[in-house]
Protein backbone atom coordinates (compact mmCIF):
# COMPACT_ATOMS: atom_id res chain seq x y z
CA MET A 1 28.66 -9.24 -34.01
CA LEU A 2 26.13 -9.04 -31.22
CA SER A 3 22.50 -9.60 -32.03
CA PRO A 4 20.04 -6.99 -30.76
CA ALA A 5 18.18 -7.72 -27.55
CA PRO A 6 14.68 -9.06 -28.08
CA SER A 7 12.03 -6.40 -27.75
CA PRO A 8 9.23 -6.88 -25.22
CA SER A 9 6.03 -8.36 -26.51
CA PRO A 10 3.59 -5.63 -27.66
CA ALA A 11 0.75 -7.58 -26.05
CA LEU A 12 2.32 -6.90 -22.64
CA PHE A 13 1.59 -3.18 -23.01
CA LEU A 14 -2.08 -3.78 -23.80
CA ILE A 15 -2.88 -4.91 -20.25
CA PRO A 16 -4.79 -2.09 -18.50
CA PHE A 17 -3.09 -0.66 -15.41
CA ASP A 18 -6.29 -1.06 -13.35
CA PHE A 19 -6.16 -4.78 -14.05
CA CYS A 20 -2.52 -4.86 -12.91
CA ILE A 21 -3.32 -2.98 -9.69
CA THR A 22 -6.28 -5.25 -8.98
CA ALA A 23 -4.09 -8.31 -9.54
CA ILE A 24 -1.36 -6.92 -7.28
CA ILE A 25 -3.85 -6.13 -4.50
CA ARG A 26 -5.49 -9.56 -4.75
CA PHE A 27 -2.10 -11.28 -4.71
CA SER A 28 -0.96 -9.26 -1.69
CA LEU A 29 -4.17 -10.16 0.17
CA PHE A 30 -3.65 -13.82 -0.71
CA VAL A 31 -0.10 -13.67 0.64
CA GLN A 32 -1.27 -11.97 3.83
CA ARG A 33 -3.97 -14.59 4.41
CA THR A 34 -1.80 -17.59 3.68
CA THR A 35 1.39 -16.58 5.49
CA ARG A 36 -0.05 -15.58 8.84
CA PHE A 37 0.75 -17.88 11.70
CA SER A 38 -2.42 -19.25 13.16
CA PRO A 39 -2.79 -19.74 16.94
CA ARG A 40 -3.27 -23.45 16.22
CA PHE A 41 0.23 -23.60 14.70
CA LEU A 42 1.75 -21.67 17.60
CA SER A 43 0.12 -23.93 20.19
CA GLN A 44 1.87 -26.98 18.77
CA ASN A 45 5.26 -27.98 20.07
CA TYR A 46 7.25 -26.69 17.10
CA ASP A 47 10.20 -24.50 17.95
CA PHE A 48 11.51 -21.93 15.52
CA VAL A 49 13.41 -18.68 15.66
CA GLY A 50 11.05 -15.84 16.59
CA LYS A 51 8.31 -18.03 18.10
CA GLN A 52 8.44 -16.19 21.43
CA ALA A 53 8.16 -12.80 19.71
CA LEU A 54 5.08 -14.02 17.80
CA LEU A 55 3.51 -15.32 21.01
CA ASP A 56 4.23 -12.03 22.80
CA GLY A 57 2.75 -9.90 20.00
CA GLN A 58 -0.17 -12.18 19.21
CA HIS A 59 -2.73 -10.17 21.17
CA GLN A 60 -1.38 -6.70 20.38
CA GLN A 61 -3.02 -4.48 17.81
CA SER A 62 -0.96 -3.78 14.70
CA LYS A 63 0.97 -0.51 14.72
CA LYS A 64 0.35 0.17 11.04
CA ARG A 65 -2.67 -0.04 8.76
CA LEU A 66 -2.82 -0.58 4.99
CA VAL A 67 -4.82 2.09 3.16
CA HIS A 68 -5.88 2.82 -0.41
CA ILE A 69 -5.19 6.38 -1.51
CA ALA A 70 -6.60 8.27 -4.49
CA LEU A 71 -5.41 11.77 -5.33
CA GLN A 72 -8.29 14.22 -5.54
CA GLU A 73 -6.27 16.57 -7.75
CA HIS A 74 -2.83 16.26 -9.26
CA ASP A 75 -0.26 18.06 -11.33
CA ASP A 76 0.78 16.44 -14.61
CA ASN A 77 4.42 17.11 -13.72
CA ASN A 78 4.30 15.41 -10.30
CA TYR A 79 3.26 11.78 -9.99
CA PRO A 80 3.68 9.64 -6.89
CA TRP A 81 6.18 6.77 -7.16
CA GLY A 82 6.02 5.32 -3.65
CA GLY A 83 7.70 6.50 -0.48
CA GLU A 84 5.84 9.81 -0.31
CA PRO A 85 4.84 10.97 3.21
CA ILE A 86 1.14 10.85 4.10
CA LEU A 87 -0.01 13.80 6.20
CA ARG A 88 -3.12 13.79 8.38
CA ASN A 89 -4.29 17.25 9.44
CA GLY A 90 -0.81 18.57 8.66
CA SER A 91 1.25 16.03 10.64
CA LEU A 92 3.05 12.91 9.45
CA ALA A 93 0.79 9.85 9.55
CA GLY A 94 2.58 7.31 7.32
CA SER A 95 3.98 6.80 3.83
CA THR A 96 3.01 5.38 0.48
CA THR A 97 4.53 2.09 -0.66
CA SER A 98 3.51 2.01 -4.30
CA ALA A 99 1.63 4.10 -6.82
CA CYS A 100 0.27 4.03 -10.36
CA TYR A 101 -2.10 5.92 -12.61
CA SER A 102 -5.66 4.60 -12.45
CA PHE A 103 -7.41 4.96 -15.76
CA LYS A 104 -10.69 4.03 -14.11
CA LEU A 105 -10.41 6.90 -11.61
CA GLY A 106 -8.62 9.17 -14.05
CA ARG A 107 -5.97 10.07 -11.49
CA PRO A 108 -3.05 8.51 -9.58
CA ALA A 109 -3.76 5.93 -6.90
CA CYS A 110 -1.45 4.63 -4.15
CA LEU A 111 -1.15 2.02 -1.45
CA GLY A 112 0.38 3.03 1.84
CA TYR A 113 0.59 2.45 5.56
CA LEU A 114 -0.72 4.71 8.31
CA LEU A 115 1.38 4.38 11.45
CA GLY A 116 0.14 4.22 15.03
CA GLU A 117 -3.17 3.15 16.45
CA VAL A 118 -5.36 3.99 13.46
CA GLN A 119 -9.08 3.74 14.06
CA ASP A 120 -11.78 3.85 11.38
CA ALA A 121 -13.19 7.13 12.73
CA ALA A 122 -9.75 8.78 12.62
CA VAL A 123 -9.48 8.03 8.91
CA GLN A 124 -12.96 9.30 8.10
CA ASP A 125 -12.60 12.49 10.17
CA GLY A 126 -9.09 13.42 9.05
CA ARG A 127 -7.95 15.65 6.18
CA PHE A 128 -5.22 13.76 4.31
CA GLU A 129 -2.57 14.97 1.90
CA ILE A 130 0.55 13.46 0.37
CA ASP A 131 3.76 15.30 -0.31
CA ILE A 132 4.95 14.78 -3.89
CA ALA A 133 8.23 16.56 -4.66
CA GLY A 134 7.55 19.24 -2.04
CA ASN A 135 3.96 19.90 -3.16
CA LEU A 136 0.97 18.87 -1.05
CA PHE A 137 -1.93 17.19 -2.83
CA PRO A 138 -5.28 16.35 -1.18
CA VAL A 139 -6.17 12.67 -1.22
CA SER A 140 -9.07 10.43 -0.28
CA VAL A 141 -8.09 7.57 2.00
CA SER A 142 -9.98 4.32 2.52
CA LEU A 143 -9.10 1.53 4.90
CA HIS A 144 -8.42 -1.93 3.68
């Protein structure tokens, strides 16, 4: 006879979601800082696959920008899960990568990337929405 699978620890469910999101964001920033190739490393005589592509793109501006997104209003039946399109002034500007409910904000929050040459002024002047299951919801966007 098979024994039942162990149930997850109840203490695991007591961790607030805001703490989890903060931990995920801090970890992702740590990974970004520690895995970037520095110019000092590229100037050394180490050869590796992709070195020429890194040297060619070293002085180019990134074509996508990480943003924090908070829904200004939401429907209890439609929550973002990640992968939702981000619209700026009605046209496609990027997509969300992950989402969760923020108890601190009292509404869903997302991380996502805006594509193209995104400037700070373009984010502050634009009207942003995300498409969740065919419904458009207004969001506030802040640059990382």
